[in-house]
PDB file of N, CA and C in Angstrom:
ATOM      1  N   MET A   1      89.824 143.045 137.343  1.00  0.00           N
ATOM      2  CA  MET A   1      89.747 143.363 135.942  1.00  0.00           C
ATOM      3  C   MET A   1      90.551 142.319 135.163  1.00  0.00           C
ATOM      4  N   ILE A   2      89.988 141.853 134.053  1.00  0.00           N
ATOM      5  CA  ILE A   2      90.653 140.881 133.180  1.00  0.00           C
ATOM      6  C   ILE A   2      91.039 141.606 131.898  1.00  0.00           C
ATOM      7  N   LYS A   3      92.269 141.390 131.515  1.00  0.00           N
ATOM      8  CA  LYS A   3      92.762 142.023 130.302  1.00  0.00           C
ATOM      9  C   LYS A   3      93.216 140.928 129.332  1.00  0.00           C
ATOM     10  N   VAL A   4      92.765 141.010 128.087  1.00  0.00           N
ATOM     11  CA  VAL A   4      93.114 140.026 127.068  1.00  0.00           C
ATOM     12  C   VAL A   4      93.843 140.751 125.938  1.00  0.00           C
ATOM     13  N   ALA A   5      94.973 140.196 125.545  1.00  0.00           N
ATOM     14  CA  ALA A   5      95.728 140.757 124.427  1.00  0.00           C
ATOM     15  C   ALA A   5      95.818 139.700 123.337  1.00  0.00           C
ATOM     16  N   VAL A   6      95.533 140.094 122.135  1.00  0.00           N
ATOM     17  CA  VAL A   6      95.562 139.173 121.000  1.00  0.00           C
ATOM     18  C   VAL A   6      96.458 139.768 119.927  1.00  0.00           C
ATOM     19  N   SER A   7      97.299 138.915 119.346  1.00  0.00           N
ATOM     20  CA  SER A   7      98.118 139.369 118.230  1.00  0.00           C
ATOM     21  C   SER A   7      97.939 138.396 117.078  1.00  0.00           C
ATOM     22  N   GLY A   8      98.294 138.826 115.910  1.00  0.00           N
ATOM     23  CA  GLY A   8      98.155 137.951 114.753  1.00  0.00           C
ATOM     24  C   GLY A   8      96.938 138.302 113.932  1.00  0.00           C
ATOM     25  N   ASP A   9      96.679 137.456 112.957  1.00  0.00           N
ATOM     26  CA  ASP A   9      95.535 137.690 112.075  1.00  0.00           C
ATOM     27  C   ASP A   9      94.933 136.351 111.661  1.00  0.00           C
ATOM     28  N   PHE A  10      94.003 136.417 110.776  1.00  0.00           N
ATOM     29  CA  PHE A  10      93.331 135.215 110.294  1.00  0.00           C
ATOM     30  C   PHE A  10      93.832 134.804 108.923  1.00  0.00           C
ATOM     31  N   LYS A  11      95.078 135.117 108.617  1.00  0.00           N
ATOM     32  CA  LYS A  11      95.652 134.856 107.298  1.00  0.00           C
ATOM     33  C   LYS A  11      95.531 133.381 106.903  1.00  0.00           C
ATOM     34  N   HIS A  12      95.933 132.482 107.802  1.00  0.00           N
ATOM     35  CA  HIS A  12      95.881 131.047 107.485  1.00  0.00           C
ATOM     36  C   HIS A  12      94.452 130.553 107.304  1.00  0.00           C
ATOM     37  N   THR A  13      93.564 131.044 108.125  1.00  0.00           N
ATOM     38  CA  THR A  13      92.154 130.666 108.003  1.00  0.00           C
ATOM     39  C   THR A  13      91.590 131.165 106.684  1.00  0.00           C
ATOM     40  N   ASP A  14      91.894 132.422 106.351  1.00  0.00           N
ATOM     41  CA  ASP A  14      91.415 132.981 105.083  1.00  0.00           C
ATOM     42  C   ASP A  14      91.960 132.199 103.888  1.00  0.00           C
ATOM     43  N   GLU A  15      93.246 131.833 103.936  1.00  0.00           N
ATOM     44  CA  GLU A  15      93.842 131.058 102.843  1.00  0.00           C
ATOM     45  C   GLU A  15      93.165 129.699 102.691  1.00  0.00           C
ATOM     46  N   PHE A  16      92.914 129.047 103.826  1.00  0.00           N
ATOM     47  CA  PHE A  16      92.241 127.742 103.795  1.00  0.00           C
ATOM     48  C   PHE A  16      90.847 127.875 103.179  1.00  0.00           C
ATOM     49  N   LEU A  17      90.113 128.865 103.615  1.00  0.00           N
ATOM     50  CA  LEU A  17      88.755 129.040 103.092  1.00  0.00           C
ATOM     51  C   LEU A  17      88.768 129.391 101.607  1.00  0.00           C
ATOM     52  N   GLU A  18      89.751 130.158 101.161  1.00  0.00           N
ATOM     53  CA  GLU A  18      89.879 130.466  99.732  1.00  0.00           C
ATOM     54  C   GLU A  18      90.169 129.202  98.926  1.00  0.00           C
ATOM     55  N   ARG A  19      91.054 128.337  99.452  1.00  0.00           N
ATOM     56  CA  ARG A  19      91.343 127.074  98.753  1.00  0.00           C
ATOM     57  C   ARG A  19      90.084 126.221  98.662  1.00  0.00           C
ATOM     58  N   MET A  20      89.311 126.191  99.735  1.00  0.00           N
ATOM     59  CA  MET A  20      88.074 125.410  99.714  1.00  0.00           C
ATOM     60  C   MET A  20      87.077 126.016  98.725  1.00  0.00           C
ATOM     61  N   LYS A  21      87.019 127.318  98.690  1.00  0.00           N
ATOM     62  CA  LYS A  21      86.098 127.997  97.784  1.00  0.00           C
ATOM     63  C   LYS A  21      86.477 127.765  96.319  1.00  0.00           C
ATOM     64  N   SER A  22      87.765 127.727  96.024  1.00  0.00           N
ATOM     65  CA  SER A  22      88.224 127.522  94.650  1.00  0.00           C
ATOM     66  C   SER A  22      88.145 126.058  94.222  1.00  0.00           C
ATOM     67  N   ARG A  23      87.889 125.179  95.170  1.00  0.00           N
ATOM     68  CA  ARG A  23      87.764 123.738  94.918  1.00  0.00           C
ATOM     69  C   ARG A  23      89.030 123.125  94.339  1.00  0.00           C
ATOM     70  N   SER A  24      90.165 123.639  94.726  1.00  0.00           N
ATOM     71  CA  SER A  24      91.445 123.115  94.234  1.00  0.00           C
ATOM     72  C   SER A  24      91.679 121.681  94.704  1.00  0.00           C
ATOM     73  N   TYR A  25      91.013 121.272  95.771  1.00  0.00           N
ATOM     74  CA  TYR A  25      91.165 119.915  96.290  1.00  0.00           C
ATOM     75  C   TYR A  25      90.566 118.875  95.353  1.00  0.00           C
ATOM     76  N   LEU A  26      89.716 119.294  94.412  1.00  0.00           N
ATOM     77  CA  LEU A  26      89.124 118.338  93.476  1.00  0.00           C
ATOM     78  C   LEU A  26      90.185 117.709  92.577  1.00  0.00           C
ATOM     79  N   LYS A  27      91.253 118.441  92.286  1.00  0.00           N
ATOM     80  CA  LYS A  27      92.356 117.876  91.509  1.00  0.00           C
ATOM     81  C   LYS A  27      92.962 116.694  92.261  1.00  0.00           C
ATOM     82  N   GLN A  28      93.039 116.806  93.580  1.00  0.00           N
ATOM     83  CA  GLN A  28      93.570 115.724  94.390  1.00  0.00           C
ATOM     84  C   GLN A  28      92.662 114.496  94.312  1.00  0.00           C
ATOM     85  N   LEU A  29      91.357 114.710  94.258  1.00  0.00           N
ATOM     86  CA  LEU A  29      90.437 113.568  94.175  1.00  0.00           C
ATOM     87  C   LEU A  29      90.671 112.782  92.895  1.00  0.00           C
ATOM     88  N   ASN A  30      90.896 113.478  91.788  1.00  0.00           N
ATOM     89  CA  ASN A  30      91.194 112.781  90.529  1.00  0.00           C
ATOM     90  C   ASN A  30      92.497 112.002  90.627  1.00  0.00           C
ATOM     91  N   ARG A  31      93.492 112.591  91.269  1.00  0.00           N
ATOM     92  CA  ARG A  31      94.778 111.908  91.428  1.00  0.00           C
ATOM     93  C   ARG A  31      94.593 110.646  92.262  1.00  0.00           C
ATOM     94  N   PHE A  32      93.879 110.759  93.367  1.00  0.00           N
ATOM     95  CA  PHE A  32      93.654 109.589  94.223  1.00  0.00           C
ATOM     96  C   PHE A  32      92.780 108.550  93.524  1.00  0.00           C
ATOM     97  N   GLY A  33      91.822 108.993  92.717  1.00  0.00           N
ATOM     98  CA  GLY A  33      91.005 108.050  91.958  1.00  0.00           C
ATOM     99  C   GLY A  33      91.855 107.220  91.010  1.00  0.00           C
ATOM    100  N   ALA A  34      92.753 107.888  90.295  1.00  0.00           N
ATOM    101  CA  ALA A  34      93.635 107.181  89.357  1.00  0.00           C
ATOM    102  C   ALA A  34      94.604 106.263  90.101  1.00  0.00           C
ATOM    103  N   GLN A  35      95.119 106.711  91.243  1.00  0.00           N
ATOM    104  CA  GLN A  35      96.020 105.856  92.030  1.00  0.00           C
ATOM    105  C   GLN A  35      95.289 104.607  92.512  1.00  0.00           C
ATOM    106  N   GLY A  36      94.037 104.774  92.936  1.00  0.00           N
ATOM    107  CA  GLY A  36      93.252 103.626  93.383  1.00  0.00           C
ATOM    108  C   GLY A  36      93.010 102.629  92.270  1.00  0.00           C
ATOM    109  N   VAL A  37      92.694 103.124  91.079  1.00  0.00           N
ATOM    110  CA  VAL A  37      92.491 102.234  89.928  1.00  0.00           C
ATOM    111  C   VAL A  37      93.769 101.457  89.636  1.00  0.00           C
ATOM    112  N   ALA A  38      94.904 102.149  89.645  1.00  0.00           N
ATOM    113  CA  ALA A  38      96.186 101.479  89.370  1.00  0.00           C
ATOM    114  C   ALA A  38      96.483 100.414  90.422  1.00  0.00           C
ATOM    115  N   ALA A  39      96.232 100.739  91.692  1.00  0.00           N
ATOM    116  CA  ALA A  39      96.483  99.774  92.773  1.00  0.00           C
ATOM    117  C   ALA A  39      95.565  98.559  92.640  1.00  0.00           C
ATOM    118  N   LEU A  40      94.311  98.778  92.314  1.00  0.00           N
ATOM    119  CA  LEU A  40      93.369  97.667  92.156  1.00  0.00           C
ATOM    120  C   LEU A  40      93.728  96.797  90.955  1.00  0.00           C
ATOM    121  N   LYS A  41      94.173  97.415  89.867  1.00  0.00           N
ATOM    122  CA  LYS A  41      94.592  96.640  88.690  1.00  0.00           C
ATOM    123  C   LYS A  41      95.767  95.728  89.035  1.00  0.00           C
ATOM    124  N   ARG A  42      96.741  96.282  89.779  1.00  0.00           N
ATOM    125  CA  ARG A  42      97.916  95.481  90.158  1.00  0.00           C
ATOM    126  C   ARG A  42      97.539  94.340  91.096  1.00  0.00           C
ATOM    127  N   ALA A  43      96.576  94.573  91.975  1.00  0.00           N
ATOM    128  CA  ALA A  43      96.250  93.599  93.026  1.00  0.00           C
ATOM    129  C   ALA A  43      95.241  92.533  92.583  1.00  0.00           C
ATOM    130  N   THR A  44      94.487  92.793  91.539  1.00  0.00           N
ATOM    131  CA  THR A  44      93.443  91.858  91.116  1.00  0.00           C
ATOM    132  C   THR A  44      94.062  90.566  90.607  1.00  0.00           C
ATOM    133  N   PRO A  45      93.653  89.421  91.190  1.00  0.00           N
ATOM    134  CA  PRO A  45      94.139  88.131  90.679  1.00  0.00           C
ATOM    135  C   PRO A  45      93.738  87.984  89.209  1.00  0.00           C
ATOM    136  N   GLU A  46      94.663  87.507  88.411  1.00  0.00           N
ATOM    137  CA  GLU A  46      94.409  87.434  86.968  1.00  0.00           C
ATOM    138  C   GLU A  46      94.255  86.006  86.495  1.00  0.00           C
ATOM    139  N   GLU A  47      93.175  85.802  85.774  1.00  0.00           N
ATOM    140  CA  GLU A  47      93.041  84.572  85.007  1.00  0.00           C
ATOM    141  C   GLU A  47      93.048  84.980  83.545  1.00  0.00           C
ATOM    142  N   SER A  48      92.080  85.831  83.182  1.00  0.00           N
ATOM    143  CA  SER A  48      92.066  86.352  81.817  1.00  0.00           C
ATOM    144  C   SER A  48      92.594  87.779  81.775  1.00  0.00           C
ATOM    145  N   GLY A  49      92.601  88.463  82.926  1.00  0.00           N
ATOM    146  CA  GLY A  49      93.027  89.855  82.971  1.00  0.00           C
ATOM    147  C   GLY A  49      91.893  90.837  82.761  1.00  0.00           C
ATOM    148  N   GLN A  50      90.713  90.335  82.397  1.00  0.00           N
ATOM    149  CA  GLN A  50      89.587  91.215  82.102  1.00  0.00           C
ATOM    150  C   GLN A  50      89.120  91.974  83.346  1.00  0.00           C
ATOM    151  N   THR A  51      89.059  91.309  84.483  1.00  0.00           N
ATOM    152  CA  THR A  51      88.619  91.971  85.711  1.00  0.00           C
ATOM    153  C   THR A  51      89.624  93.033  86.128  1.00  0.00           C
ATOM    154  N   ALA A  52      90.893  92.735  86.036  1.00  0.00           N
ATOM    155  CA  ALA A  52      91.929  93.701  86.409  1.00  0.00           C
ATOM    156  C   ALA A  52      91.851  94.950  85.532  1.00  0.00           C
ATOM    157  N   GLN A  53      91.527  94.789  84.265  1.00  0.00           N
ATOM    158  CA  GLN A  53      91.467  95.933  83.348  1.00  0.00           C
ATOM    159  C   GLN A  53      90.132  96.678  83.411  1.00  0.00           C
ATOM    160  N   SER A  54      89.200  96.207  84.218  1.00  0.00           N
ATOM    161  CA  SER A  54      87.857  96.791  84.253  1.00  0.00           C
ATOM    162  C   SER A  54      87.622  97.742  85.421  1.00  0.00           C
ATOM    163  N   TRP A  55      88.667  98.146  86.134  1.00  0.00           N
ATOM    164  CA  TRP A  55      88.508  99.085  87.248  1.00  0.00           C
ATOM    165  C   TRP A  55      88.375 100.512  86.723  1.00  0.00           C
ATOM    166  N   VAL A  56      87.423 101.249  87.278  1.00  0.00           N
ATOM    167  CA  VAL A  56      87.207 102.664  86.961  1.00  0.00           C
ATOM    168  C   VAL A  56      86.881 103.390  88.259  1.00  0.00           C
ATOM    169  N   TYR A  57      86.948 104.707  88.224  1.00  0.00           N
ATOM    170  CA  TYR A  57      86.526 105.476  89.391  1.00  0.00           C
ATOM    171  C   TYR A  57      85.621 106.607  88.936  1.00  0.00           C
ATOM    172  N   GLU A  58      84.846 107.104  89.885  1.00  0.00           N
ATOM    173  CA  GLU A  58      83.938 108.210  89.625  1.00  0.00           C
ATOM    174  C   GLU A  58      83.951 109.116  90.853  1.00  0.00           C
ATOM    175  N   ILE A  59      83.982 110.411  90.612  1.00  0.00           N
ATOM    176  CA  ILE A  59      83.897 111.371  91.716  1.00  0.00           C
ATOM    177  C   ILE A  59      82.453 111.825  91.810  1.00  0.00           C
ATOM    178  N   ILE A  60      81.877 111.636  92.980  1.00  0.00           N
ATOM    179  CA  ILE A  60      80.487 112.010  93.233  1.00  0.00           C
ATOM    180  C   ILE A  60      80.490 113.380  93.912  1.00  0.00           C
ATOM    181  N   GLN A  61      79.751 114.331  93.337  1.00  0.00           N
ATOM    182  CA  GLN A  61      79.650 115.670  93.911  1.00  0.00           C
ATOM    183  C   GLN A  61      78.193 115.992  94.181  1.00  0.00           C
ATOM    184  N   ARG A  62      77.927 116.332  95.420  1.00  0.00           N
ATOM    185  CA  ARG A  62      76.611 116.815  95.833  1.00  0.00           C
ATOM    186  C   ARG A  62      76.859 118.044  96.696  1.00  0.00           C
ATOM    187  N   PRO A  63      75.873 118.825  96.977  1.00  0.00           N
ATOM    188  CA  PRO A  63      76.114 120.002  97.823  1.00  0.00           C
ATOM    189  C   PRO A  63      76.743 119.600  99.168  1.00  0.00           C
ATOM    190  N   GLY A  64      77.963 120.059  99.386  1.00  0.00           N
ATOM    191  CA  GLY A  64      78.669 119.780 100.637  1.00  0.00           C
ATOM    192  C   GLY A  64      79.193 118.365 100.768  1.00  0.00           C
ATOM    193  N   TYR A  65      79.245 117.609  99.677  1.00  0.00           N
ATOM    194  CA  TYR A  65      79.623 116.207  99.747  1.00  0.00           C
ATOM    195  C   TYR A  65      80.424 115.833  98.513  1.00  0.00           C
ATOM    196  N   TYR A  66      81.580 115.224  98.733  1.00  0.00           N
ATOM    197  CA  TYR A  66      82.410 114.715  97.647  1.00  0.00           C
ATOM    198  C   TYR A  66      82.890 113.334  98.034  1.00  0.00           C
ATOM    199  N   SER A  67      82.878 112.418  97.079  1.00  0.00           N
ATOM    200  CA  SER A  67      83.410 111.090  97.365  1.00  0.00           C
ATOM    201  C   SER A  67      83.989 110.496  96.082  1.00  0.00           C
ATOM    202  N   ILE A  68      84.859 109.513  96.281  1.00  0.00           N
ATOM    203  CA  ILE A  68      85.408 108.767  95.160  1.00  0.00           C
ATOM    204  C   ILE A  68      84.828 107.362  95.251  1.00  0.00           C
ATOM    205  N   GLN A  69      84.290 106.879  94.155  1.00  0.00           N
ATOM    206  CA  GLN A  69      83.792 105.500  94.102  1.00  0.00           C
ATOM    207  C   GLN A  69      84.621 104.733  93.089  1.00  0.00           C
ATOM    208  N   TRP A  70      85.161 103.607  93.516  1.00  0.00           N
ATOM    209  CA  TRP A  70      85.873 102.717  92.612  1.00  0.00           C
ATOM    210  C   TRP A  70      84.933 101.587  92.259  1.00  0.00           C
ATOM    211  N   MET A  71      84.836 101.280  90.973  1.00  0.00           N
ATOM    212  CA  MET A  71      83.907 100.260  90.506  1.00  0.00           C
ATOM    213  C   MET A  71      84.611  99.353  89.510  1.00  0.00           C
ATOM    214  N   ASN A  72      84.096  98.151  89.378  1.00  0.00           N
ATOM    215  CA  ASN A  72      84.613  97.229  88.387  1.00  0.00           C
ATOM    216  C   ASN A  72      83.481  96.921  87.423  1.00  0.00           C
ATOM    217  N   THR A  73      83.739  97.122  86.149  1.00  0.00           N
ATOM    218  CA  THR A  73      82.686  96.985  85.142  1.00  0.00           C
ATOM    219  C   THR A  73      82.580  95.584  84.542  1.00  0.00           C
ATOM    220  N   ASN A  74      83.426  94.659  84.985  1.00  0.00           N
ATOM    221  CA  ASN A  74      83.347  93.281  84.503  1.00  0.00           C
ATOM    222  C   ASN A  74      82.273  92.562  85.313  1.00  0.00           C
ATOM    223  N   VAL A  75      81.126  92.313  84.687  1.00  0.00           N
ATOM    224  CA  VAL A  75      79.992  91.720  85.397  1.00  0.00           C
ATOM    225  C   VAL A  75      79.595  90.390  84.772  1.00  0.00           C
ATOM    226  N   ARG A  76      78.965  89.587  85.584  1.00  0.00           N
ATOM    227  CA  ARG A  76      78.482  88.270  85.149  1.00  0.00           C
ATOM    228  C   ARG A  76      76.967  88.335  85.046  1.00  0.00           C
ATOM    229  N   ASN A  77      76.445  87.957  83.896  1.00  0.00           N
ATOM    230  CA  ASN A  77      74.996  87.929  83.712  1.00  0.00           C
ATOM    231  C   ASN A  77      74.507  86.510  83.885  1.00  0.00           C
ATOM    232  N   PRO A  78      73.303  86.248  84.302  1.00  0.00           N
ATOM    233  CA  PRO A  78      72.299  87.230  84.675  1.00  0.00           C
ATOM    234  C   PRO A  78      72.575  87.810  86.060  1.00  0.00           C
ATOM    235  N   GLY A  79      72.040  88.956  86.305  1.00  0.00           N
ATOM    236  CA  GLY A  79      72.126  89.575  87.617  1.00  0.00           C
ATOM    237  C   GLY A  79      73.156  90.678  87.730  1.00  0.00           C
ATOM    238  N   ASN A  80      73.968  90.883  86.696  1.00  0.00           N
ATOM    239  CA  ASN A  80      74.996  91.924  86.738  1.00  0.00           C
ATOM    240  C   ASN A  80      75.855  91.847  87.999  1.00  0.00           C
ATOM    241  N   ILE A  81      76.349  90.673  88.296  1.00  0.00           N
ATOM    242  CA  ILE A  81      77.181  90.461  89.483  1.00  0.00           C
ATOM    243  C   ILE A  81      78.619  90.818  89.140  1.00  0.00           C
ATOM    244  N   PRO A  82      79.210  91.796  89.853  1.00  0.00           N
ATOM    245  CA  PRO A  82      80.601  92.161  89.572  1.00  0.00           C
ATOM    246  C   PRO A  82      81.547  91.003  89.906  1.00  0.00           C
ATOM    247  N   ILE A  83      82.366  90.610  88.941  1.00  0.00           N
ATOM    248  CA  ILE A  83      83.317  89.515  89.135  1.00  0.00           C
ATOM    249  C   ILE A  83      84.299  89.863  90.256  1.00  0.00           C
ATOM    250  N   ALA A  84      84.659  91.141  90.379  1.00  0.00           N
ATOM    251  CA  ALA A  84      85.588  91.563  91.433  1.00  0.00           C
ATOM    252  C   ALA A  84      85.036  91.223  92.821  1.00  0.00           C
ATOM    253  N   VAL A  85      83.735  91.348  92.996  1.00  0.00           N
ATOM    254  CA  VAL A  85      83.108  91.024  94.284  1.00  0.00           C
ATOM    255  C   VAL A  85      83.143  89.515  94.518  1.00  0.00           C
ATOM    256  N   LEU A  86      82.925  88.737  93.474  1.00  0.00           N
ATOM    257  CA  LEU A  86      82.989  87.279  93.614  1.00  0.00           C
ATOM    258  C   LEU A  86      84.393  86.832  94.001  1.00  0.00           C
ATOM    259  N   ILE A  87      85.411  87.473  93.429  1.00  0.00           N
ATOM    260  CA  ILE A  87      86.793  87.142  93.781  1.00  0.00           C
ATOM    261  C   ILE A  87      87.079  87.551  95.223  1.00  0.00           C
ATOM    262  N   GLN A  88      86.611  88.716  95.624  1.00  0.00           N
ATOM    263  CA  GLN A  88      86.874  89.246  96.971  1.00  0.00           C
ATOM    264  C   GLN A  88      86.203  88.396  98.052  1.00  0.00           C
ATOM    265  N   TYR A  89      84.932  88.069  97.873  1.00  0.00           N
ATOM    266  CA  TYR A  89      84.169  87.423  98.939  1.00  0.00           C
ATOM    267  C   TYR A  89      83.938  85.926  98.741  1.00  0.00           C
ATOM    268  N   GLY A  90      84.258  85.421  97.583  1.00  0.00           N
ATOM    269  CA  GLY A  90      84.019  84.007  97.317  1.00  0.00           C
ATOM    270  C   GLY A  90      82.631  83.795  96.737  1.00  0.00           C
ATOM    271  N   HIS A  91      82.395  82.567  96.250  1.00  0.00           N
ATOM    272  CA  HIS A  91      81.102  82.286  95.636  1.00  0.00           C
ATOM    273  C   HIS A  91      80.913  80.782  95.477  1.00  0.00           C
ATOM    274  N   ALA A  92      79.645  80.415  95.322  1.00  0.00           N
ATOM    275  CA  ALA A  92      79.315  79.014  95.037  1.00  0.00           C
ATOM    276  C   ALA A  92      79.396  78.801  93.526  1.00  0.00           C
ATOM    277  N   THR A  93      79.655  77.573  93.141  1.00  0.00           N
ATOM    278  CA  THR A  93      79.675  77.235  91.725  1.00  0.00           C
ATOM    279  C   THR A  93      78.375  76.528  91.360  1.00  0.00           C
ATOM    280  N   ARG A  94      78.172  76.292  90.089  1.00  0.00           N
ATOM    281  CA  ARG A  94      76.931  75.633  89.642  1.00  0.00           C
ATOM    282  C   ARG A  94      76.824  74.210  90.146  1.00  0.00           C
ATOM    283  N   ASN A  95      77.965  73.538  90.353  1.00  0.00           N
ATOM    284  CA  ASN A  95      77.904  72.151  90.808  1.00  0.00           C
ATOM    285  C   ASN A  95      77.881  72.030  92.327  1.00  0.00           C
ATOM    286  N   GLY A  96      77.723  73.161  93.032  1.00  0.00           N
ATOM    287  CA  GLY A  96      77.573  73.130  94.482  1.00  0.00           C
ATOM    288  C   GLY A  96      78.853  73.319  95.268  1.00  0.00           C
ATOM    289  N   ALA A  97      79.979  73.453  94.601  1.00  0.00           N
ATOM    290  CA  ALA A  97      81.249  73.702  95.303  1.00  0.00           C
ATOM    291  C   ALA A  97      81.311  75.166  95.724  1.00  0.00           C
ATOM    292  N   TYR A  98      82.275  75.474  96.571  1.00  0.00           N
ATOM    293  CA  TYR A  98      82.455  76.854  97.026  1.00  0.00           C
ATOM    294  C   TYR A  98      83.887  77.286  96.747  1.00  0.00           C
ATOM    295  N   ILE A  99      84.035  78.452  96.149  1.00  0.00           N
ATOM    296  CA  ILE A  99      85.344  79.039  95.873  1.00  0.00           C
ATOM    297  C   ILE A  99      85.605  80.083  96.955  1.00  0.00           C
ATOM    298  N   GLN A 100      86.651  79.893  97.740  1.00  0.00           N
ATOM    299  CA  GLN A 100      87.012  80.825  98.819  1.00  0.00           C
ATOM    300  C   GLN A 100      87.419  82.175  98.239  1.00  0.00           C
ATOM    301  N   GLY A 101      86.990  83.260  98.871  1.00  0.00           N
ATOM    302  CA  GLY A 101      87.351  84.601  98.433  1.00  0.00           C
ATOM    303  C   GLY A 101      88.807  84.938  98.759  1.00  0.00           C
ATOM    304  N   ILE A 102      89.321  85.938  98.081  1.00  0.00           N
ATOM    305  CA  ILE A 102      90.680  86.427  98.301  1.00  0.00           C
ATOM    306  C   ILE A 102      90.569  87.909  98.633  1.00  0.00           C
ATOM    307  N   ASP A 103      91.005  88.295  99.830  1.00  0.00           N
ATOM    308  CA  ASP A 103      90.942  89.703 100.220  1.00  0.00           C
ATOM    309  C   ASP A 103      92.081  90.453  99.536  1.00  0.00           C
ATOM    310  N   TYR A 104      91.804  90.995  98.367  1.00  0.00           N
ATOM    311  CA  TYR A 104      92.816  91.743  97.622  1.00  0.00           C
ATOM    312  C   TYR A 104      92.485  93.226  97.531  1.00  0.00           C
ATOM    313  N   ILE A 105      91.229  93.595  97.700  1.00  0.00           N
ATOM    314  CA  ILE A 105      90.821  94.994  97.572  1.00  0.00           C
ATOM    315  C   ILE A 105      91.300  95.811  98.774  1.00  0.00           C
ATOM    316  N   ASN A 106      91.038  95.339  99.982  1.00  0.00           N
ATOM    317  CA  ASN A 106      91.406  96.099 101.179  1.00  0.00           C
ATOM    318  C   ASN A 106      92.911  96.353 101.283  1.00  0.00           C
ATOM    319  N   PRO A 107      93.772  95.347 101.116  1.00  0.00           N
ATOM    320  CA  PRO A 107      95.203  95.635 101.178  1.00  0.00           C
ATOM    321  C   PRO A 107      95.674  96.587 100.067  1.00  0.00           C
ATOM    322  N   ALA A 108      95.068  96.504  98.899  1.00  0.00           N
ATOM    323  CA  ALA A 108      95.462  97.383  97.795  1.00  0.00           C
ATOM    324  C   ALA A 108      95.074  98.832  98.060  1.00  0.00           C
ATOM    325  N   MET A 109      93.925  99.025  98.689  1.00  0.00           N
ATOM    326  CA  MET A 109      93.414 100.379  98.898  1.00  0.00           C
ATOM    327  C   MET A 109      93.903 101.027 100.195  1.00  0.00           C
ATOM    328  N   ARG A 110      94.384 100.235 101.137  1.00  0.00           N
ATOM    329  CA  ARG A 110      94.831 100.786 102.427  1.00  0.00           C
ATOM    330  C   ARG A 110      95.835 101.936 102.276  1.00  0.00           C
ATOM    331  N   PRO A 111      96.899 101.797 101.446  1.00  0.00           N
ATOM    332  CA  PRO A 111      97.829 102.924 101.302  1.00  0.00           C
ATOM    333  C   PRO A 111      97.187 104.152 100.649  1.00  0.00           C
ATOM    334  N   ILE A 112      96.240 103.934  99.764  1.00  0.00           N
ATOM    335  CA  ILE A 112      95.546 105.059  99.119  1.00  0.00           C
ATOM    336  C   ILE A 112      94.731 105.814 100.162  1.00  0.00           C
ATOM    337  N   PHE A 113      94.027 105.080 101.016  1.00  0.00           N
ATOM    338  CA  PHE A 113      93.230 105.729 102.062  1.00  0.00           C
ATOM    339  C   PHE A 113      94.115 106.491 103.041  1.00  0.00           C
ATOM    340  N   ARG A 114      95.275 105.920 103.359  1.00  0.00           N
ATOM    341  CA  ARG A 114      96.219 106.628 104.237  1.00  0.00           C
ATOM    342  C   ARG A 114      96.683 107.933 103.599  1.00  0.00           C
ATOM    343  N   ASP A 115      96.984 107.870 102.292  1.00  0.00           N
ATOM    344  CA  ASP A 115      97.424 109.074 101.580  1.00  0.00           C
ATOM    345  C   ASP A 115      96.328 110.132 101.538  1.00  0.00           C
ATOM    346  N   ILE A 116      95.087 109.705 101.341  1.00  0.00           N
ATOM    347  CA  ILE A 116      93.962 110.650 101.320  1.00  0.00           C
ATOM    348  C   ILE A 116      93.841 111.330 102.683  1.00  0.00           C
ATOM    349  N   ALA A 117      93.916 110.551 103.750  1.00  0.00           N
ATOM    350  CA  ALA A 117      93.806 111.119 105.096  1.00  0.00           C
ATOM    351  C   ALA A 117      94.959 112.074 105.380  1.00  0.00           C
ATOM    352  N   ALA A 118      96.171 111.702 104.989  1.00  0.00           N
ATOM    353  CA  ALA A 118      97.339 112.559 105.221  1.00  0.00           C
ATOM    354  C   ALA A 118      97.223 113.854 104.425  1.00  0.00           C
ATOM    355  N   GLU A 119      96.777 113.757 103.189  1.00  0.00           N
ATOM    356  CA  GLU A 119      96.625 114.950 102.356  1.00  0.00           C
ATOM    357  C   GLU A 119      95.542 115.869 102.915  1.00  0.00           C
ATOM    358  N   ALA A 120      94.440 115.304 103.372  1.00  0.00           N
ATOM    359  CA  ALA A 120      93.381 116.107 103.972  1.00  0.00           C
ATOM    360  C   ALA A 120      93.893 116.812 105.227  1.00  0.00           C
ATOM    361  N   TRP A 121      94.663 116.107 106.030  1.00  0.00           N
ATOM    362  CA  TRP A 121      95.208 116.711 107.245  1.00  0.00           C
ATOM    363  C   TRP A 121      96.184 117.847 106.898  1.00  0.00           C
ATOM    364  N   ARG A 122      97.031 117.628 105.880  1.00  0.00           N
ATOM    365  CA  ARG A 122      97.954 118.690 105.441  1.00  0.00           C
ATOM    366  C   ARG A 122      97.190 119.916 104.966  1.00  0.00           C
ATOM    367  N   GLU A 123      96.100 119.673 104.244  1.00  0.00           N
ATOM    368  CA  GLU A 123      95.299 120.791 103.725  1.00  0.00           C
ATOM    369  C   GLU A 123      94.690 121.599 104.863  1.00  0.00           C
ATOM    370  N   VAL A 124      94.234 120.920 105.887  1.00  0.00           N
ATOM    371  CA  VAL A 124      93.601 121.603 107.018  1.00  0.00           C
ATOM    372  C   VAL A 124      94.645 122.358 107.864  1.00  0.00           C
ATOM    373  N   THR A 125      95.842 121.810 107.953  1.00  0.00           N
ATOM    374  CA  THR A 125      96.852 122.399 108.844  1.00  0.00           C
ATOM    375  C   THR A 125      97.835 123.305 108.128  1.00  0.00           C
ATOM    376  N   LYS A 126      97.625 123.602 106.845  1.00  0.00           N
ATOM    377  CA  LYS A 126      98.532 124.509 106.111  1.00  0.00           C
ATOM    378  C   LYS A 126      98.587 125.872 106.768  1.00  0.00           C
TER     379      LYS A 126
END
């Protein structure tokens, strides 16, 4: 004969599910979005400062899906090419020269991504 004894309750699970149901974590997404914009502004190489001041974020919500998108609205026409991407990856010039890219986005965002992961883990393990 096997005997199983269980003690305790589902209090922590219920609390977690209530927090998810109330969508209180969305406030955190706005905070992380603003932190990412600030980090990108500080890290963007400045010539005129226009690219650094053109960072924005948007929270995308779909059923069962949430994400933060950081975008730069300073674009070069024709083609609507984001200047931030040209700085990050490099580009050719009209006279055939090549401007080497500067990896500034990844180092700027790395601490933000770490904070998001840590906060998500804290939320799950509360």
